[in-house]
Amino acid sequence: MDARIRETLAGLDIRAEIERLRKERNAVILAHYYQTPELQDLADFVGDSLELSRKAAETDADVIAFCGVRFMAEVAKILSPQKTVILPDMDAGCSLEDSCPPDEFGAFRAAHPDHISLTYINCSAAVKAHSDIIVTSSSAEKIINALPKDQKILFAPDKHLGAWLNKKTGRDMLLWDGTCIVHEAFSETELLKLKALHPDAPVAAHPECPAYILDHAHMIGSTSAILKFALESPASTIIVATEPHIIHQMEKAAPNKIFIGAPGADGNCSCNMCPYMALNTLEKLYLSLRDLQPRIEVPEPLRLRALLPLNRMLAIASGAATDLTPAQTFPAVTGD
């Protein structure tokens, strides 16, 4: 942190100041499972990205402070346009978002006009606006199965999640070549060594992991699903193949169990901590609440276009949309 900022914060009780500003700003603080324990512990809600945005939308808060990454805060703004949405560090991006520039994705869509675009929520608002349906790791399979079997599908931006979904659904979706740097960092060799040390420990993995990790998993699912599995499994030791900060919630809820982060190439899990999530700190959260900056802005035309595929996902996932006719239900999104 900048030396001048450190000097400004010297002597402050940061947690007390955050509590004061939370009340003064009528703010709700959200923390993704991949945030540091200190941010998770002071948040009003901890969870997956879409779940957090939906909870914040239901509150009467004037301000949403999203301790996560930029695309998550954008979703919060898309769902709550009347609220001020702030992100402690605007550089908190995402390798999946970075792998899928909107102009390149738009050209990809245009080159395959007979395909429906299913896009993982880990992308920018601009890419969402180019998409037909947004999916999460927990809703994607249901949404794919709701589409006609002969409907051609594009899936972006995570090729590992897309390949796993192809295997699960029997589809042959055309996959964008994007990956999550965190989930790619796991080592199959080191995981096998860890499993040999703990032969009775099941492996719970996120589907953003490569197939060579998923092949060794006993359970594959979203961060929320992994957490649920870890708490409900009768196993006393569980190996967790996703960003290791989720283990904080596991240890709080099940202190009698042992949770081990799947190792990276160096034999430990330090390389699997998300560098983007790590940019958010208590100090930056305080400053963002104090200054209401950095602020997430999504121009209204873009917000409405990005909201459409999000609403389609929610309708299909809830069962409200059935007997889908893609050409009628999902008209192409045009314009900038």
Protein backbone atom coordinates (compact mmCIF):
# COMPACT_ATOMS: atom_id res chain seq x y z
CA MET A 1 0.00 0.00 0.00
CA ASP A 2 1.14 3.55 -0.79
CA ALA A 3 3.22 5.06 2.05
CA ARG A 4 1.00 8.16 2.07
CA ILE A 5 -2.08 6.00 2.59
CA ARG A 6 -0.35 4.10 5.38
CA GLU A 7 0.39 7.40 7.08
CA THR A 8 -3.26 8.46 6.71
CA LEU A 9 -4.43 5.23 8.32
CA ALA A 10 -1.89 5.24 11.13
CA GLY A 11 -3.54 5.08 14.52
CA LEU A 12 -7.00 4.25 13.16
CA ASP A 13 -8.98 1.29 14.42
CA ILE A 14 -9.80 0.07 10.91
CA ARG A 15 -12.48 -2.42 11.95
CA ALA A 16 -14.24 0.16 14.11
CA GLU A 17 -14.09 2.67 11.27
CA ILE A 18 -15.58 0.13 8.86
CA GLU A 19 -18.42 -0.51 11.30
CA ARG A 20 -19.03 3.22 11.63
CA LEU A 21 -19.07 3.75 7.87
CA ARG A 22 -21.23 0.67 7.30
CA LYS A 23 -23.94 2.34 9.41
CA GLU A 24 -23.41 5.88 8.12
CA ARG A 25 -23.47 4.79 4.47
CA ASN A 26 -26.27 2.25 4.99
CA ALA A 27 -23.92 -0.22 3.33
CA VAL A 28 -24.01 -3.98 2.95
CA ILE A 29 -20.61 -5.68 2.80
CA LEU A 30 -20.26 -8.78 0.63
CA ALA A 31 -17.31 -11.17 0.68
CA HIS A 32 -16.69 -14.02 -1.73
CA TYR A 33 -15.47 -17.34 -0.33
CA TYR A 34 -12.04 -16.61 -1.84
CA GLN A 35 -11.46 -13.49 0.25
CA THR A 36 -9.17 -13.46 3.29
CA PRO A 37 -10.68 -14.63 6.60
CA GLU A 38 -10.65 -11.11 8.06
CA LEU A 39 -12.84 -9.84 5.21
CA GLN A 40 -15.13 -12.85 5.38
CA ASP A 41 -15.62 -12.39 9.11
CA LEU A 42 -16.81 -8.79 8.93
CA ALA A 43 -19.04 -9.23 5.88
CA ASP A 44 -22.83 -9.21 6.09
CA PHE A 45 -22.93 -12.05 3.56
CA VAL A 46 -20.32 -14.58 2.44
CA GLY A 47 -20.92 -16.76 -0.59
CA ASP A 48 -20.74 -17.31 -4.35
CA SER A 49 -20.78 -14.27 -6.61
CA LEU A 50 -24.35 -14.38 -7.99
CA GLU A 51 -25.78 -15.46 -4.64
CA LEU A 52 -24.17 -12.42 -3.02
CA SER A 53 -25.49 -9.99 -5.63
CA ARG A 54 -29.02 -11.36 -5.30
CA LYS A 55 -28.91 -11.07 -1.51
CA ALA A 56 -27.65 -7.50 -1.72
CA ALA A 57 -30.46 -6.63 -4.14
CA GLU A 58 -32.99 -7.76 -1.55
CA THR A 59 -31.65 -5.42 1.14
CA ASP A 60 -32.55 -1.77 1.67
CA ALA A 61 -28.86 -0.83 1.59
CA ASP A 62 -27.84 2.28 -0.34
CA VAL A 63 -24.28 1.03 -0.84
CA ILE A 64 -22.91 -2.38 -1.80
CA ALA A 65 -19.25 -2.92 -0.88
CA PHE A 66 -18.24 -6.01 -2.82
CA CYS A 67 -15.11 -7.74 -1.58
CA GLY A 68 -14.54 -9.87 -4.63
CA VAL A 69 -13.45 -9.18 -8.18
CA ARG A 70 -14.63 -6.69 -10.78
CA PHE A 71 -17.07 -8.86 -12.73
CA MET A 72 -18.84 -9.77 -9.46
CA ALA A 73 -19.31 -6.12 -8.56
CA GLU A 74 -20.63 -5.48 -12.08
CA VAL A 75 -23.29 -8.15 -11.56
CA ALA A 76 -24.28 -6.45 -8.31
CA LYS A 77 -24.69 -3.17 -10.21
CA ILE A 78 -26.65 -4.88 -12.99
CA LEU A 79 -29.09 -6.29 -10.44
CA SER A 80 -29.16 -3.16 -8.23
CA PRO A 81 -28.78 -0.14 -10.53
CA GLN A 82 -30.17 2.24 -7.91
CA LYS A 83 -27.48 1.31 -5.38
CA THR A 84 -23.90 2.58 -5.25
CA VAL A 85 -21.54 -0.35 -5.79
CA ILE A 86 -17.92 -0.08 -4.72
CA LEU A 87 -14.96 -2.43 -5.07
CA PRO A 88 -12.04 -2.01 -2.65
CA ASP A 89 -9.50 -2.35 -5.48
CA MET A 90 -10.47 -1.77 -9.12
CA ASP A 91 -7.47 -3.85 -10.21
CA ALA A 92 -9.16 -6.93 -8.72
CA GLY A 93 -9.88 -8.57 -12.06
CA CYS A 94 -10.14 -12.17 -13.21
CA SER A 95 -8.06 -14.28 -15.58
CA LEU A 96 -11.25 -15.69 -17.15
CA GLU A 97 -12.56 -12.19 -17.81
CA ASP A 98 -9.19 -11.17 -19.23
CA SER A 99 -9.15 -14.21 -21.53
CA CYS A 100 -12.38 -13.13 -23.24
CA PRO A 101 -12.20 -9.56 -24.65
CA PRO A 102 -15.65 -8.33 -25.71
CA ASP A 103 -14.66 -7.48 -29.30
CA GLU A 104 -13.08 -10.90 -29.87
CA PHE A 105 -16.05 -12.62 -28.29
CA GLY A 106 -18.44 -10.63 -30.46
CA ALA A 107 -16.54 -11.75 -33.56
CA PHE A 108 -16.62 -15.36 -32.29
CA ARG A 109 -20.39 -15.14 -31.94
CA ALA A 110 -20.80 -13.58 -35.37
CA ALA A 111 -18.78 -16.41 -36.92
CA HIS A 112 -21.25 -18.98 -35.54
CA PRO A 113 -24.71 -17.50 -36.08
CA ASP A 114 -26.46 -20.87 -35.69
CA HIS A 115 -25.11 -21.31 -32.14
CA ILE A 116 -26.65 -20.16 -28.87
CA SER A 117 -24.12 -18.52 -26.58
CA LEU A 118 -23.97 -19.89 -23.04
CA THR A 119 -21.55 -17.77 -21.07
CA TYR A 120 -20.12 -18.46 -17.63
CA ILE A 121 -20.81 -15.61 -15.23
CA ASN A 122 -17.03 -15.05 -14.81
CA CYS A 123 -16.87 -12.48 -17.61
CA SER A 124 -17.33 -8.75 -18.15
CA ALA A 125 -20.68 -7.00 -18.49
CA ALA A 126 -19.84 -6.35 -22.14
CA VAL A 127 -19.41 -10.07 -22.81
CA LYS A 128 -22.62 -10.82 -20.94
CA ALA A 129 -24.37 -8.36 -23.26
CA HIS A 130 -23.18 -10.41 -26.25
CA SER A 131 -24.52 -13.64 -24.71
CA ASP A 132 -27.85 -15.47 -24.91
CA ILE A 133 -27.80 -17.08 -21.46
CA ILE A 134 -25.48 -16.61 -18.51
CA VAL A 135 -24.74 -19.70 -16.43
CA THR A 136 -23.09 -20.47 -13.12
CA SER A 137 -21.22 -23.66 -12.32
CA SER A 138 -24.26 -24.84 -10.37
CA SER A 139 -26.93 -23.97 -12.98
CA ALA A 140 -25.11 -24.75 -16.23
CA GLU A 141 -25.97 -28.45 -16.51
CA LYS A 142 -29.69 -27.85 -15.95
CA ILE A 143 -29.75 -25.04 -18.49
CA ILE A 144 -27.91 -27.08 -21.12
CA ASN A 145 -30.31 -29.97 -20.64
CA ALA A 146 -33.26 -27.57 -21.05
CA LEU A 147 -32.15 -26.68 -24.58
CA PRO A 148 -33.12 -28.79 -27.61
CA LYS A 149 -30.65 -31.62 -28.20
CA ASP A 150 -29.92 -30.45 -31.73
CA GLN A 151 -29.23 -26.85 -30.72
CA LYS A 152 -25.61 -25.86 -31.32
CA ILE A 153 -24.00 -24.11 -28.36
CA LEU A 154 -21.01 -21.84 -27.80
CA PHE A 155 -19.56 -21.94 -24.29
CA ALA A 156 -17.22 -19.31 -22.90
CA PRO A 157 -14.91 -18.41 -21.32
CA ASP A 158 -13.74 -21.44 -19.25
CA LYS A 159 -12.73 -24.38 -21.41
CA HIS A 160 -12.31 -26.75 -18.44
CA LEU A 161 -15.80 -26.08 -17.13
CA GLY A 162 -17.09 -26.40 -20.70
CA ALA A 163 -15.33 -29.74 -21.24
CA TRP A 164 -16.72 -31.09 -17.97
CA LEU A 165 -20.22 -29.98 -18.98
CA ASN A 166 -19.81 -31.63 -22.38
CA LYS A 167 -18.94 -34.86 -20.60
CA LYS A 168 -21.87 -34.54 -18.19
CA THR A 169 -24.50 -33.66 -20.79
CA GLY A 170 -23.25 -35.52 -23.86
CA ARG A 171 -23.11 -32.26 -25.82
CA ASP A 172 -20.40 -31.06 -28.16
CA MET A 173 -20.34 -27.38 -27.26
CA LEU A 174 -17.82 -25.19 -29.05
CA LEU A 175 -15.50 -23.96 -26.30
CA TRP A 176 -13.73 -20.63 -25.87
CA ASP A 177 -10.08 -21.11 -24.92
CA GLY A 178 -10.08 -19.49 -21.47
CA THR A 179 -8.91 -20.75 -18.07
CA CYS A 180 -8.72 -19.75 -14.42
CA ILE A 181 -5.10 -19.34 -13.32
CA VAL A 182 -5.97 -20.50 -9.80
CA HIS A 183 -7.53 -23.81 -10.79
CA GLU A 184 -4.88 -24.50 -13.42
CA ALA A 185 -2.19 -24.28 -10.75
CA PHE A 186 -3.09 -27.60 -9.10
CA SER A 187 -0.62 -30.42 -9.71
CA GLU A 188 -1.85 -33.92 -10.48
CA THR A 189 1.43 -35.44 -9.26
CA GLU A 190 1.28 -33.59 -5.95
CA LEU A 191 -2.42 -34.41 -5.56
CA LEU A 192 -1.67 -38.11 -5.97
CA LYS A 193 1.04 -37.84 -3.33
CA LEU A 194 -1.44 -36.16 -0.98
CA LYS A 195 -4.07 -38.82 -1.64
CA ALA A 196 -1.51 -41.51 -0.82
CA LEU A 197 -0.94 -39.84 2.56
CA HIS A 198 -4.69 -39.58 3.18
CA PRO A 199 -6.26 -42.57 1.37
CA ASP A 200 -9.65 -42.15 3.05
CA ALA A 201 -9.96 -38.44 2.27
CA PRO A 202 -12.37 -37.58 -0.57
CA VAL A 203 -11.39 -34.87 -3.03
CA ALA A 204 -13.87 -32.04 -3.65
CA ALA A 205 -13.03 -30.05 -6.78
CA HIS A 206 -14.35 -27.06 -8.67
CA PRO A 207 -15.15 -27.76 -12.36
CA GLU A 208 -12.81 -24.94 -13.40
CA CYS A 209 -10.03 -27.45 -12.66
CA PRO A 210 -8.44 -29.31 -15.60
CA ALA A 211 -9.68 -32.82 -16.34
CA TYR A 212 -6.51 -34.36 -14.88
CA ILE A 213 -7.58 -33.00 -11.49
CA LEU A 214 -11.30 -33.69 -11.88
CA ASP A 215 -10.54 -37.31 -12.75
CA HIS A 216 -9.39 -37.81 -9.14
CA ALA A 217 -12.33 -35.99 -7.52
CA HIS A 218 -15.08 -37.69 -5.55
CA MET A 219 -17.26 -34.60 -5.81
CA ILE A 220 -17.27 -31.80 -8.43
CA GLY A 221 -19.27 -28.62 -7.96
CA SER A 222 -19.47 -24.91 -7.27
CA THR A 223 -17.85 -23.31 -4.24
CA SER A 224 -21.17 -23.46 -2.36
CA ALA A 225 -21.61 -27.11 -3.34
CA ILE A 226 -18.07 -27.92 -2.23
CA LEU A 227 -18.73 -26.27 1.12
CA LYS A 228 -21.97 -28.23 1.54
CA PHE A 229 -20.24 -31.49 0.65
CA ALA A 230 -17.39 -30.82 3.07
CA LEU A 231 -19.80 -30.22 5.95
CA GLU A 232 -22.08 -33.16 5.19
CA SER A 233 -19.47 -35.77 4.29
CA PRO A 234 -18.82 -38.35 7.02
CA ALA A 235 -15.10 -38.17 6.18
CA SER A 236 -12.91 -36.65 8.88
CA THR A 237 -10.37 -35.35 6.36
CA ILE A 238 -11.24 -33.72 3.02
CA ILE A 239 -8.99 -32.50 0.22
CA VAL A 240 -10.26 -29.27 -1.34
CA ALA A 241 -9.35 -28.42 -4.96
CA THR A 242 -10.40 -24.80 -5.25
CA GLU A 243 -9.08 -21.48 -3.95
CA PRO A 244 -8.06 -22.32 -0.37
CA HIS A 245 -9.69 -19.38 1.42
CA ILE A 246 -12.99 -21.27 1.34
CA ILE A 247 -11.45 -23.56 3.96
CA HIS A 248 -12.00 -20.77 6.49
CA GLN A 249 -15.76 -21.30 6.29
CA MET A 250 -15.32 -25.08 6.50
CA GLU A 251 -13.19 -24.85 9.63
CA LYS A 252 -15.66 -22.48 11.28
CA ALA A 253 -18.61 -24.78 10.57
CA ALA A 254 -16.86 -28.11 11.20
CA PRO A 255 -13.91 -27.55 13.57
CA ASN A 256 -13.65 -31.29 14.22
CA LYS A 257 -12.67 -32.02 10.62
CA ILE A 258 -9.41 -31.57 8.77
CA PHE A 259 -9.48 -29.71 5.43
CA ILE A 260 -6.43 -29.79 3.20
CA GLY A 261 -5.99 -27.55 0.18
CA ALA A 262 -4.98 -29.43 -2.96
CA PRO A 263 -1.33 -28.71 -3.70
CA GLY A 264 0.29 -26.80 -6.50
CA ALA A 265 3.42 -27.79 -8.37
CA ASP A 266 5.63 -26.82 -5.45
CA GLY A 267 3.81 -29.21 -3.13
CA ASN A 268 1.74 -26.61 -1.29
CA CYS A 269 -1.32 -24.51 -2.02
CA SER A 270 0.19 -21.02 -1.87
CA CYS A 271 0.29 -20.74 -5.66
CA ASN A 272 -3.45 -21.49 -5.74
CA MET A 273 -4.45 -18.34 -3.88
CA CYS A 274 -6.15 -15.92 -6.27
CA PRO A 275 -3.85 -12.90 -6.73
CA TYR A 276 -6.81 -10.74 -7.78
CA MET A 277 -8.89 -11.55 -4.71
CA ALA A 278 -5.83 -10.83 -2.58
CA LEU A 279 -5.82 -7.19 -3.72
CA ASN A 280 -8.78 -6.43 -1.44
CA THR A 281 -7.79 -5.61 2.14
CA LEU A 282 -9.41 -4.20 5.27
CA GLU A 283 -7.62 -0.90 4.67
CA LYS A 284 -8.88 -0.64 1.09
CA LEU A 285 -12.40 -1.56 2.20
CA TYR A 286 -12.29 1.27 4.75
CA LEU A 287 -11.08 3.76 2.14
CA SER A 288 -13.70 2.68 -0.38
CA LEU A 289 -16.47 3.11 2.20
CA ARG A 290 -15.05 6.48 3.24
CA ASP A 291 -14.71 7.83 -0.31
CA LEU A 292 -17.36 5.70 -2.09
CA GLN A 293 -14.62 4.87 -4.57
CA PRO A 294 -13.66 2.95 -6.68
CA ARG A 295 -17.22 2.95 -7.96
CA ILE A 296 -18.65 0.43 -10.41
CA GLU A 297 -20.58 2.06 -13.23
CA VAL A 298 -22.46 0.16 -15.95
CA PRO A 299 -24.08 2.38 -18.60
CA GLU A 300 -27.82 1.78 -18.70
CA PRO A 301 -28.01 0.41 -22.28
CA LEU A 302 -25.23 -2.06 -21.46
CA ARG A 303 -26.80 -2.93 -18.11
CA LEU A 304 -30.12 -3.80 -19.71
CA ARG A 305 -28.48 -5.93 -22.38
CA ALA A 306 -26.41 -7.78 -19.77
CA LEU A 307 -29.46 -8.21 -17.53
CA LEU A 308 -31.37 -10.05 -20.26
CA PRO A 309 -29.18 -13.21 -20.34
CA LEU A 310 -28.95 -13.15 -16.54
CA ASN A 311 -32.73 -13.16 -16.30
CA ARG A 312 -32.92 -15.95 -18.86
CA MET A 313 -30.66 -18.06 -16.66
CA LEU A 314 -32.78 -17.42 -13.59
CA ALA A 315 -35.97 -18.26 -15.47
CA ILE A 316 -34.64 -21.53 -16.89
CA ALA A 317 -32.93 -22.57 -13.65
CA SER A 318 -36.14 -21.98 -11.69
CA GLY A 319 -38.23 -23.90 -14.21
CA ALA A 320 -40.20 -20.80 -15.23
CA ALA A 321 -39.03 -21.13 -18.85
CA THR A 322 -39.86 -24.39 -20.62
CA ASP A 323 -40.31 -25.68 -24.19
CA LEU A 324 -37.60 -23.34 -25.38
CA THR A 325 -37.50 -22.36 -29.03
CA PRO A 326 -34.07 -20.74 -29.34
CA ALA A 327 -34.69 -18.72 -32.49
CA GLN A 328 -37.64 -17.03 -30.81
CA THR A 329 -36.53 -17.02 -27.18
CA PHE A 330 -32.98 -15.82 -27.73
CA PRO A 331 -32.86 -13.11 -30.42
CA ALA A 332 -29.39 -11.98 -31.32
CA VAL A 333 -27.96 -9.04 -29.38
CA THR A 334 -26.70 -6.39 -31.77
CA GLY A 335 -24.91 -3.08 -31.49
CA ASP A 336 -22.15 -1.88 -29.19
